[in-house]
Amino acid sequence: MNRVRISHTSAVSAVLLVSLLLGVCPAPAQTDGLIASPEPDWPQWRGPRRDGISDETGLLAQWPEGGPKCLWTIDGLGKGWSSPIIVRDRLYITGDVGEDLVIFAFALDGTPIWRTTNGAYWKNPYPGGRACCAFSEGRLYHMNAHGRVACLDAASGKELWAVDILDRFEGKNITWAMSECLLVDGPNVIVTVSGKKALMAALDKETGRTVWITPPLEDDVVSHCSPILVHHGGRRQIINCSAVYGFGVDADTGELLWTVPVKNRYGTNVSTPVYGSGRVFFMTPYDSLGRQYQLSDNRAVLTWQSFIDAVTGGGLLVDGVLYAAGYTRPKWWFGFDWKTGATRYEMEDFTTGAAIYADRRLYLLDEQGNVGLIRPAADRLEIVGRFSLTGKRRLDAWAHPVLFDGRLYLRYHDTLSCYDVRQP
C-alpha cells in the first residue's frame, strides 16, 4: 500500500482551499491587546482603543512661542470636564448649563448643529458634567451624573431611550457623582453599577433592556472609573474599577473572572486601567497607589507596585514605558518601565494632569491649565512647546486632550478650543 505523507503546511493550505471553494473564510485569530472601536475617528473616551494614543503622524515637532495656532473657540458649554468625541464631520460634547446636563453637536468648524439634554445637572460637590459620549452606528450613548443612561440619534439629537441604572440595579450614587464614560461593545452598552443587583451590566444598545449582569460583590460601591476592552487568554475581557475592586469580566457573558483590591478612604478610583502584554495597571489614590498585575488563568497576580497615584488624569503605555503624573506626592510627571516599574523619566515642569500621545510626542494638560508638548528622549522628557490654556493658574483643568486630523482639542469648563498642530 502506498503511503502519502502530508506536511502540516500542505494540510493548512488544503483547508484554506476547501474553505474558499465552499465560500467560507476562516475567522482571523484574535491577538492579545486592546480591542478598538469599529467606528472611525475619535468615537469614545480616550480614542479608538480608550488608551489615549493617536496613530496620527505629520504633526508639528515643536510649537512656536505661545503655542500652536488657535483655529476657533466655542463658548457656552457650561461647567464640566468631559472631552469631545469626533466622528466624521461632527463633534459631540457635554456640559452642565443651568439645571440641565446638555449634550451639544457641532460641525468641525465650531458651528452649532443641535443641543439636547440628558436629565439634571450635578449641583453637589464639584458641579459640572462628567462623562463623554460614545458613538456607535449612528447613535450616541451617554450617562449623566445621576446614572441616567440615554441613547440619542446622532444626526438630530432625538432621545431614543433612557434607563436609570441606579434604579434598575439598586445602586447608590456617590459623593462626587457617577462619571463613567460608556463602553459600546458590539450590540451592547456596558455600565458599571456596583448595586445590590449587579456589579456590571450589558444593555441592548437598540432598546436599553438588560442582556446580562455580573453578580454584585460584597460591600461594594460604584466609583468614577471608565472601562477598557481587551483580548487576553482566549477571551474578550472588560476591565474596570469600582470603589473596592479592580476586576475583569467576560465581555460575552458577564462572568466575573478575577478581582484585586483597590479600596481607598474616599472611594475615588478615577483613572482608566492601563493594559499591555497580559498585564493591567491600576492607580488608587491615597492608599494602595499604583499596582501592576499579570493576568493568568482567571487570576491577577501582583508584579510590581509604585508611588504613582493619578486621579483625574490617567496613564499612557507607549513603547514599554508607562507615563503618568502623581497626585498627592509627588505631584509631577514620570515614566516607568512597564516590565519592572523602574523609574525611567521624571519631569517637574508640569503638575498633575492628563495626556495623550501622537507622533512620538506627549500632549499634556495639567490641572493648572498649562499645556505641554513633550518629547521622550533617551534620558529625559524634553519640553518642545508650551502655553497656558486658561490665562491664569487654576486647579481644576481636568478635561483630557483630544487629537484628531491634525487638530488638538482642549476644554476648560465653558470653552472648547481647537488648535492646528499639523506640519505646514
Protein backbone atom coordinates (compact mmCIF):
# COMPACT_ATOMS: atom_id res chain seq x y z
CA MET A 1 0.00 0.00 0.00
CA ASN A 2 1.36 3.39 -0.94
CA ARG A 3 1.63 5.86 1.92
CA VAL A 4 1.02 9.55 1.33
CA ARG A 5 2.65 11.92 3.78
CA ILE A 6 1.07 15.37 4.01
CA SER A 7 3.03 18.11 5.67
CA HIS A 8 1.40 20.49 8.15
CA THR A 9 1.78 23.34 5.67
CA SER A 10 0.09 21.31 2.93
CA ALA A 11 -2.75 20.38 5.26
CA VAL A 12 -3.35 24.02 6.21
CA SER A 13 -3.27 25.01 2.53
CA ALA A 14 -5.79 22.28 1.73
CA VAL A 15 -8.14 23.52 4.46
CA LEU A 16 -7.89 27.07 3.14
CA LEU A 17 -8.54 25.88 -0.43
CA VAL A 18 -11.61 23.91 0.58
CA SER A 19 -12.85 26.86 2.64
CA LEU A 20 -12.50 29.19 -0.34
CA LEU A 21 -14.24 26.76 -2.66
CA LEU A 22 -17.14 26.47 -0.22
CA GLY A 23 -17.30 30.24 0.24
CA VAL A 24 -16.24 30.00 3.89
CA CYS A 25 -13.40 32.17 5.13
CA PRO A 26 -11.82 31.13 8.45
CA ALA A 27 -12.06 33.83 11.10
CA PRO A 28 -8.72 35.50 11.80
CA ALA A 29 -7.15 34.66 15.14
CA GLN A 30 -7.56 37.41 17.71
CA THR A 31 -4.35 38.81 19.11
CA ASP A 32 -3.72 39.84 22.69
CA GLY A 33 -4.32 43.52 23.35
CA LEU A 34 -6.82 46.32 23.48
CA ILE A 35 -9.85 45.98 21.22
CA ALA A 36 -10.56 49.09 19.16
CA SER A 37 -13.97 50.51 18.37
CA PRO A 38 -15.09 49.68 14.81
CA GLU A 39 -16.17 53.31 14.41
CA PRO A 40 -13.88 55.82 12.69
CA ASP A 41 -12.04 58.82 14.09
CA TRP A 42 -12.22 59.54 17.89
CA PRO A 43 -15.56 57.91 18.76
CA GLN A 44 -15.27 57.43 22.53
CA TRP A 45 -13.39 58.24 25.73
CA ARG A 46 -9.63 58.44 25.11
CA GLY A 47 -9.90 57.46 21.46
CA PRO A 48 -10.38 54.31 19.38
CA ARG A 49 -8.81 51.93 21.93
CA ARG A 50 -9.58 54.01 25.05
CA ASP A 51 -5.84 54.31 25.70
CA GLY A 52 -5.18 57.97 24.87
CA ILE A 53 -2.98 57.09 21.89
CA SER A 54 -3.42 58.51 18.40
CA ASP A 55 -1.89 56.89 15.31
CA GLU A 56 -1.51 60.22 13.50
CA THR A 57 1.79 61.43 12.08
CA GLY A 58 2.93 64.56 10.27
CA LEU A 59 2.44 66.77 13.32
CA LEU A 60 4.50 69.73 14.48
CA ALA A 61 7.77 68.59 16.06
CA GLN A 62 7.76 71.67 18.26
CA TRP A 63 5.49 74.63 18.88
CA PRO A 64 6.20 78.32 18.34
CA GLU A 65 6.30 80.59 21.36
CA GLY A 66 2.77 80.95 22.69
CA GLY A 67 1.68 77.60 21.30
CA PRO A 68 0.14 76.42 18.02
CA LYS A 69 -2.40 78.45 16.07
CA CYS A 70 -5.87 78.53 17.61
CA LEU A 71 -8.45 77.94 14.85
CA TRP A 72 -11.57 78.60 16.91
CA THR A 73 -13.06 78.62 20.40
CA ILE A 74 -16.59 77.63 21.40
CA ASP A 75 -18.16 79.28 24.45
CA GLY A 76 -21.28 78.39 26.38
CA LEU A 77 -20.61 74.74 27.17
CA GLY A 78 -21.29 75.23 30.87
CA LYS A 79 -19.38 73.62 33.71
CA GLY A 80 -17.79 70.27 33.11
CA TRP A 81 -14.75 68.17 32.37
CA SER A 82 -15.93 65.93 29.56
CA SER A 83 -13.82 65.82 26.42
CA PRO A 84 -15.25 65.90 22.90
CA ILE A 85 -15.68 62.85 20.73
CA ILE A 86 -15.37 63.26 16.94
CA VAL A 87 -16.92 61.13 14.21
CA ARG A 88 -16.74 62.09 10.55
CA ASP A 89 -17.88 65.72 10.31
CA ARG A 90 -19.33 66.09 13.81
CA LEU A 91 -18.07 66.82 17.30
CA TYR A 92 -20.10 65.96 20.43
CA ILE A 93 -19.51 67.32 23.93
CA THR A 94 -21.43 67.77 27.19
CA GLY A 95 -21.70 70.30 30.00
CA ASP A 96 -23.96 71.45 32.82
CA VAL A 97 -25.89 74.52 31.66
CA GLY A 98 -28.38 75.96 34.11
CA GLU A 99 -30.12 72.99 35.73
CA ASP A 100 -29.61 70.57 32.81
CA LEU A 101 -26.93 68.24 31.55
CA VAL A 102 -26.66 69.40 27.94
CA ILE A 103 -25.29 67.41 25.00
CA PHE A 104 -24.05 69.54 22.08
CA ALA A 105 -23.31 68.66 18.46
CA PHE A 106 -21.03 70.92 16.41
CA ALA A 107 -19.56 70.90 12.93
CA LEU A 108 -15.76 70.68 12.85
CA ASP A 109 -15.51 74.41 12.22
CA GLY A 110 -17.29 75.09 15.52
CA THR A 111 -20.72 75.75 14.01
CA PRO A 112 -23.54 74.54 16.31
CA ILE A 113 -25.85 71.84 14.88
CA TRP A 114 -28.09 70.78 17.76
CA ARG A 115 -28.33 70.60 21.53
CA THR A 116 -30.44 68.46 23.84
CA THR A 117 -30.48 67.37 27.48
CA ASN A 118 -29.84 64.18 29.43
CA GLY A 119 -31.51 64.83 32.75
CA ALA A 120 -30.48 67.16 35.53
CA TYR A 121 -27.16 68.84 36.28
CA TRP A 122 -24.95 67.92 39.26
CA LYS A 123 -25.40 70.58 41.95
CA ASN A 124 -23.45 68.89 44.75
CA PRO A 125 -19.65 68.98 45.34
CA TYR A 126 -17.71 69.90 42.18
CA PRO A 127 -20.69 70.77 39.95
CA GLY A 128 -20.22 70.03 36.26
CA GLY A 129 -20.79 67.45 33.54
CA ARG A 130 -18.54 64.42 33.88
CA ALA A 131 -18.77 61.74 31.21
CA CYS A 132 -18.02 61.78 27.48
CA CYS A 133 -20.40 60.42 24.88
CA ALA A 134 -19.77 57.23 22.90
CA PHE A 135 -20.75 56.83 19.23
CA SER A 136 -21.97 53.62 17.59
CA GLU A 137 -23.81 53.07 14.31
CA GLY A 138 -25.39 56.50 14.11
CA ARG A 139 -26.28 56.74 17.79
CA LEU A 140 -24.82 58.46 20.84
CA TYR A 141 -24.73 56.95 24.32
CA HIS A 142 -24.20 58.97 27.48
CA MET A 143 -24.59 58.61 31.25
CA ASN A 144 -25.23 61.68 33.39
CA ALA A 145 -24.02 62.22 36.95
CA HIS A 146 -27.17 60.58 38.38
CA GLY A 147 -26.86 57.30 36.44
CA ARG A 148 -29.31 58.17 33.66
CA VAL A 149 -28.14 56.36 30.51
CA ALA A 150 -29.55 57.85 27.31
CA CYS A 151 -29.41 56.78 23.66
CA LEU A 152 -29.72 59.58 21.10
CA ASP A 153 -29.96 59.78 17.34
CA ALA A 154 -26.62 61.35 16.45
CA ALA A 155 -27.98 63.21 13.44
CA SER A 156 -30.79 65.01 15.25
CA GLY A 157 -30.19 64.65 19.00
CA LYS A 158 -33.58 62.96 19.45
CA GLU A 159 -33.72 60.70 22.50
CA LEU A 160 -34.49 57.09 21.55
CA TRP A 161 -34.47 55.50 25.01
CA ALA A 162 -33.23 56.12 28.54
CA VAL A 163 -32.59 53.95 31.61
CA ASP A 164 -31.98 54.87 35.25
CA ILE A 165 -29.35 52.25 36.09
CA LEU A 166 -29.27 53.06 39.81
CA ASP A 167 -32.98 52.33 40.00
CA ARG A 168 -32.84 49.22 37.81
CA PHE A 169 -29.91 47.60 39.64
CA GLU A 170 -30.46 49.10 43.11
CA GLY A 171 -27.30 51.14 43.22
CA LYS A 172 -26.34 54.30 45.12
CA ASN A 173 -24.80 57.46 43.82
CA ILE A 174 -21.58 58.69 45.39
CA THR A 175 -20.17 61.91 46.87
CA TRP A 176 -18.69 63.25 43.64
CA ALA A 177 -21.22 61.64 41.27
CA MET A 178 -21.10 58.89 38.69
CA SER A 179 -18.64 59.65 35.91
CA GLU A 180 -18.33 56.53 33.72
CA CYS A 181 -17.70 57.10 30.02
CA LEU A 182 -19.77 54.32 28.50
CA LEU A 183 -18.26 51.47 26.50
CA VAL A 184 -20.17 50.17 23.47
CA ASP A 185 -19.27 46.56 22.68
CA GLY A 186 -20.99 45.26 19.55
CA PRO A 187 -24.73 45.16 20.32
CA ASN A 188 -24.26 46.09 23.97
CA VAL A 189 -23.70 49.19 26.09
CA ILE A 190 -21.67 48.38 29.21
CA VAL A 191 -22.45 50.05 32.56
CA THR A 192 -20.77 49.70 35.97
CA VAL A 193 -23.29 49.90 38.80
CA SER A 194 -21.95 48.14 41.90
CA GLY A 195 -25.55 47.90 43.11
CA LYS A 196 -27.42 45.22 45.01
CA LYS A 197 -28.44 43.51 41.77
CA ALA A 198 -25.30 43.86 39.64
CA LEU A 199 -21.65 44.82 39.64
CA MET A 200 -21.72 45.43 35.89
CA ALA A 201 -24.40 45.06 33.23
CA ALA A 202 -24.76 44.97 29.47
CA LEU A 203 -27.72 46.84 27.96
CA ASP A 204 -29.03 46.19 24.48
CA LYS A 205 -27.96 49.29 22.58
CA GLU A 206 -31.15 49.29 20.47
CA THR A 207 -33.64 49.13 23.36
CA GLY A 208 -31.87 49.54 26.71
CA ARG A 209 -33.06 46.15 28.00
CA THR A 210 -30.70 44.14 30.20
CA VAL A 211 -28.71 41.50 28.28
CA TRP A 212 -26.50 40.15 31.06
CA ILE A 213 -25.35 41.10 34.55
CA THR A 214 -22.28 40.41 36.64
CA PRO A 215 -23.44 39.45 40.15
CA PRO A 216 -22.74 42.07 42.82
CA LEU A 217 -19.72 41.98 45.13
CA GLU A 218 -19.91 42.27 48.89
CA ASP A 219 -19.75 45.76 50.45
CA ASP A 220 -19.09 47.34 47.08
CA VAL A 221 -19.89 50.85 45.81
CA VAL A 222 -19.61 52.38 42.37
CA SER A 223 -16.73 54.79 41.67
CA HIS A 224 -15.72 57.13 38.82
CA CYS A 225 -13.72 54.82 36.55
CA SER A 226 -14.31 54.04 32.86
CA PRO A 227 -13.59 50.55 31.44
CA ILE A 228 -11.38 49.15 28.72
CA LEU A 229 -11.99 46.17 26.41
CA VAL A 230 -9.16 43.70 25.82
CA HIS A 231 -8.48 40.31 24.32
CA HIS A 232 -6.49 38.08 26.65
CA GLY A 233 -6.21 34.33 27.20
CA GLY A 234 -8.73 33.46 24.53
CA ARG A 235 -11.41 35.74 25.97
CA ARG A 236 -12.66 39.24 25.47
CA GLN A 237 -12.48 40.94 28.85
CA ILE A 238 -13.90 44.19 30.19
CA ILE A 239 -11.60 45.64 32.85
CA ASN A 240 -12.71 48.35 35.25
CA CYS A 241 -12.81 49.54 38.88
CA SER A 242 -15.46 50.03 41.49
CA ALA A 243 -14.70 51.76 44.78
CA VAL A 244 -13.49 48.50 46.30
CA TYR A 245 -12.35 46.18 43.48
CA GLY A 246 -10.45 46.18 40.25
CA PHE A 247 -11.96 43.43 38.14
CA GLY A 248 -12.20 41.61 34.83
CA VAL A 249 -15.49 40.45 33.32
CA ASP A 250 -16.15 38.17 30.34
CA ALA A 251 -17.49 40.56 27.69
CA ASP A 252 -19.82 37.96 26.18
CA THR A 253 -21.42 36.50 29.32
CA GLY A 254 -20.78 38.89 32.21
CA GLU A 255 -18.92 36.20 34.17
CA LEU A 256 -16.63 37.68 36.80
CA LEU A 257 -13.11 36.43 36.04
CA TRP A 258 -10.92 37.98 38.73
CA THR A 259 -10.73 40.79 41.29
CA VAL A 260 -7.98 42.76 43.05
CA PRO A 261 -8.27 45.23 45.97
CA VAL A 262 -8.34 48.94 45.07
CA LYS A 263 -10.16 50.41 48.07
CA ASN A 264 -9.16 53.81 49.41
CA ARG A 265 -10.52 56.04 52.16
CA TYR A 266 -12.56 58.22 49.77
CA GLY A 267 -13.78 55.60 47.30
CA THR A 268 -12.21 57.57 44.45
CA ASN A 269 -10.91 55.33 41.72
CA VAL A 270 -10.92 57.58 38.66
CA SER A 271 -8.11 56.57 36.28
CA THR A 272 -8.96 54.15 33.49
CA PRO A 273 -6.95 50.90 33.83
CA VAL A 274 -3.89 50.53 31.59
CA TYR A 275 -3.32 47.25 29.72
CA GLY A 276 -0.37 45.79 27.85
CA SER A 277 1.26 42.39 27.25
CA GLY A 278 -1.09 40.50 29.53
CA ARG A 279 -0.67 42.95 32.39
CA VAL A 280 -3.01 45.55 33.83
CA PHE A 281 -2.18 48.62 35.91
CA PHE A 282 -4.50 50.33 38.42
CA MET A 283 -3.91 53.65 40.15
CA THR A 284 -5.65 54.01 43.52
CA PRO A 285 -5.03 57.40 45.12
CA TYR A 286 -4.24 57.90 48.80
CA ASP A 287 -3.76 54.25 49.80
CA SER A 288 -2.59 51.37 47.59
CA LEU A 289 -1.38 53.76 44.82
CA GLY A 290 -0.10 52.18 41.58
CA ARG A 291 -0.12 48.40 41.15
CA GLN A 292 0.54 46.19 38.14
CA TYR A 293 -0.89 42.68 37.83
CA GLN A 294 -0.16 39.78 35.48
CA LEU A 295 -3.34 38.14 34.20
CA SER A 296 -3.21 34.35 34.08
CA ASP A 297 -5.80 31.55 34.34
CA ASN A 298 -8.54 33.87 35.58
CA ARG A 299 -6.21 35.30 38.20
CA ALA A 300 -4.43 38.60 38.64
CA VAL A 301 -1.01 38.28 40.30
CA LEU A 302 0.82 41.36 41.61
CA THR A 303 4.04 42.03 39.67
CA TRP A 304 5.13 45.44 40.97
CA GLN A 305 3.82 48.50 42.76
CA SER A 306 4.63 52.18 42.69
CA PHE A 307 4.01 55.52 44.42
CA ILE A 308 2.16 56.88 41.37
CA ASP A 309 -1.47 57.81 42.08
CA ALA A 310 -3.14 59.73 39.25
CA VAL A 311 -6.71 60.81 39.97
CA THR A 312 -8.38 62.84 37.22
CA GLY A 313 -5.51 62.13 34.85
CA GLY A 314 -4.52 58.65 33.74
CA GLY A 315 -1.75 56.50 32.34
CA LEU A 316 -0.33 56.09 28.84
CA LEU A 317 1.59 52.98 27.79
CA VAL A 318 3.92 53.65 24.85
CA ASP A 319 6.89 51.53 23.72
CA GLY A 320 7.25 49.80 27.07
CA VAL A 321 7.00 52.99 29.15
CA LEU A 322 4.05 53.94 31.36
CA TYR A 323 3.58 57.72 31.58
CA ALA A 324 1.55 59.22 34.42
CA ALA A 325 1.54 62.08 36.91
CA GLY A 326 1.27 61.78 40.66
CA TYR A 327 -1.47 63.47 42.64
CA THR A 328 -0.74 63.52 46.36
CA ARG A 329 3.05 63.31 46.46
CA PRO A 330 4.97 63.79 44.23
CA LYS A 331 2.64 65.86 42.04
CA TRP A 332 4.51 65.79 38.73
CA TRP A 333 5.22 63.52 35.71
CA PHE A 334 7.02 60.20 35.47
CA GLY A 335 7.80 57.43 33.03
CA PHE A 336 8.06 53.87 34.37
CA ASP A 337 9.43 50.71 32.79
CA TRP A 338 6.34 48.58 32.09
CA LYS A 339 8.07 45.31 32.92
CA THR A 340 9.81 46.27 36.15
CA GLY A 341 8.28 49.51 37.45
CA ALA A 342 11.68 51.21 37.50
CA THR A 343 11.58 54.99 37.01
CA ARG A 344 12.84 55.93 33.53
CA TYR A 345 11.79 59.61 33.46
CA GLU A 346 10.88 62.37 35.89
CA MET A 347 9.70 65.89 34.98
CA GLU A 348 8.67 68.58 37.48
CA ASP A 349 7.81 71.35 34.99
CA PHE A 350 4.11 70.42 34.89
CA THR A 351 1.84 69.38 37.74
CA THR A 352 -0.64 66.51 37.79
CA GLY A 353 -2.91 66.23 34.76
CA ALA A 354 -3.95 64.26 31.70
CA ALA A 355 -2.11 63.44 28.48
CA ILE A 356 -2.47 61.82 25.09
CA TYR A 357 0.25 60.58 22.71
CA ALA A 358 0.77 61.05 18.99
CA ASP A 359 3.71 61.15 16.55
CA ARG A 360 6.39 60.49 19.21
CA ARG A 361 5.14 63.28 21.48
CA LEU A 362 3.06 63.63 24.65
CA TYR A 363 0.37 66.31 24.63
CA LEU A 364 -0.47 67.15 28.22
CA LEU A 365 -2.81 69.48 30.07
CA ASP A 366 -2.05 69.90 33.75
CA GLU A 367 -4.67 70.85 36.33
CA GLN A 368 -3.36 74.43 36.48
CA GLY A 369 -4.19 74.97 32.81
CA ASN A 370 -0.68 74.59 31.41
CA VAL A 371 -0.34 72.77 28.06
CA GLY A 372 2.85 70.99 27.10
CA LEU A 373 4.30 69.21 24.08
CA ILE A 374 6.82 66.70 25.42
CA ARG A 375 9.34 64.59 23.50
CA PRO A 376 10.63 61.48 25.31
CA ALA A 377 14.40 61.49 24.71
CA ALA A 378 16.92 58.87 25.78
CA ASP A 379 17.49 60.37 29.22
CA ARG A 380 14.78 62.98 29.80
CA LEU A 381 11.36 64.31 28.90
CA GLU A 382 12.14 67.29 26.68
CA ILE A 383 9.69 70.20 26.54
CA VAL A 384 9.30 71.28 22.89
CA GLY A 385 6.27 73.51 23.31
CA ARG A 386 4.12 75.05 26.00
CA PHE A 387 1.40 77.64 26.60
CA SER A 388 -1.39 78.44 29.06
CA LEU A 389 -4.93 77.41 28.17
CA THR A 390 -6.66 79.26 30.99
CA GLY A 391 -4.71 82.52 31.17
CA LYS A 392 -4.20 82.23 34.90
CA ARG A 393 -3.47 79.46 37.38
CA ARG A 394 -6.33 77.05 38.01
CA LEU A 395 -6.66 73.84 39.98
CA ASP A 396 -9.39 72.08 38.01
CA ALA A 397 -8.31 71.90 34.36
CA TRP A 398 -9.15 68.18 34.31
CA ALA A 399 -10.55 67.53 30.83
CA HIS A 400 -8.42 65.13 28.77
CA PRO A 401 -6.96 66.43 25.49
CA VAL A 402 -8.20 65.06 22.16
CA LEU A 403 -6.20 64.91 18.92
CA PHE A 404 -7.74 64.11 15.57
CA ASP A 405 -6.89 65.03 11.96
CA GLY A 406 -4.06 67.33 12.96
CA ARG A 407 -6.20 69.27 15.42
CA LEU A 408 -5.75 69.43 19.17
CA TYR A 409 -8.93 69.99 21.22
CA LEU A 410 -8.65 71.39 24.74
CA ARG A 411 -11.56 72.08 27.07
CA TYR A 412 -11.75 74.22 30.18
CA HIS A 413 -15.29 74.25 31.55
CA ASP A 414 -17.31 76.70 29.43
CA THR A 415 -14.94 76.76 26.45
CA LEU A 416 -13.53 74.34 23.90
CA SER A 417 -10.58 75.47 21.79
CA CYS A 418 -9.24 73.88 18.61
CA TYR A 419 -5.56 74.20 17.63
CA ASP A 420 -3.82 73.38 14.37
CA VAL A 421 -0.87 71.08 15.18
CA ARG A 422 -0.17 69.79 11.67
CA GLN A 423 3.14 70.39 9.94
CA PRO A 424 2.78 73.09 7.25
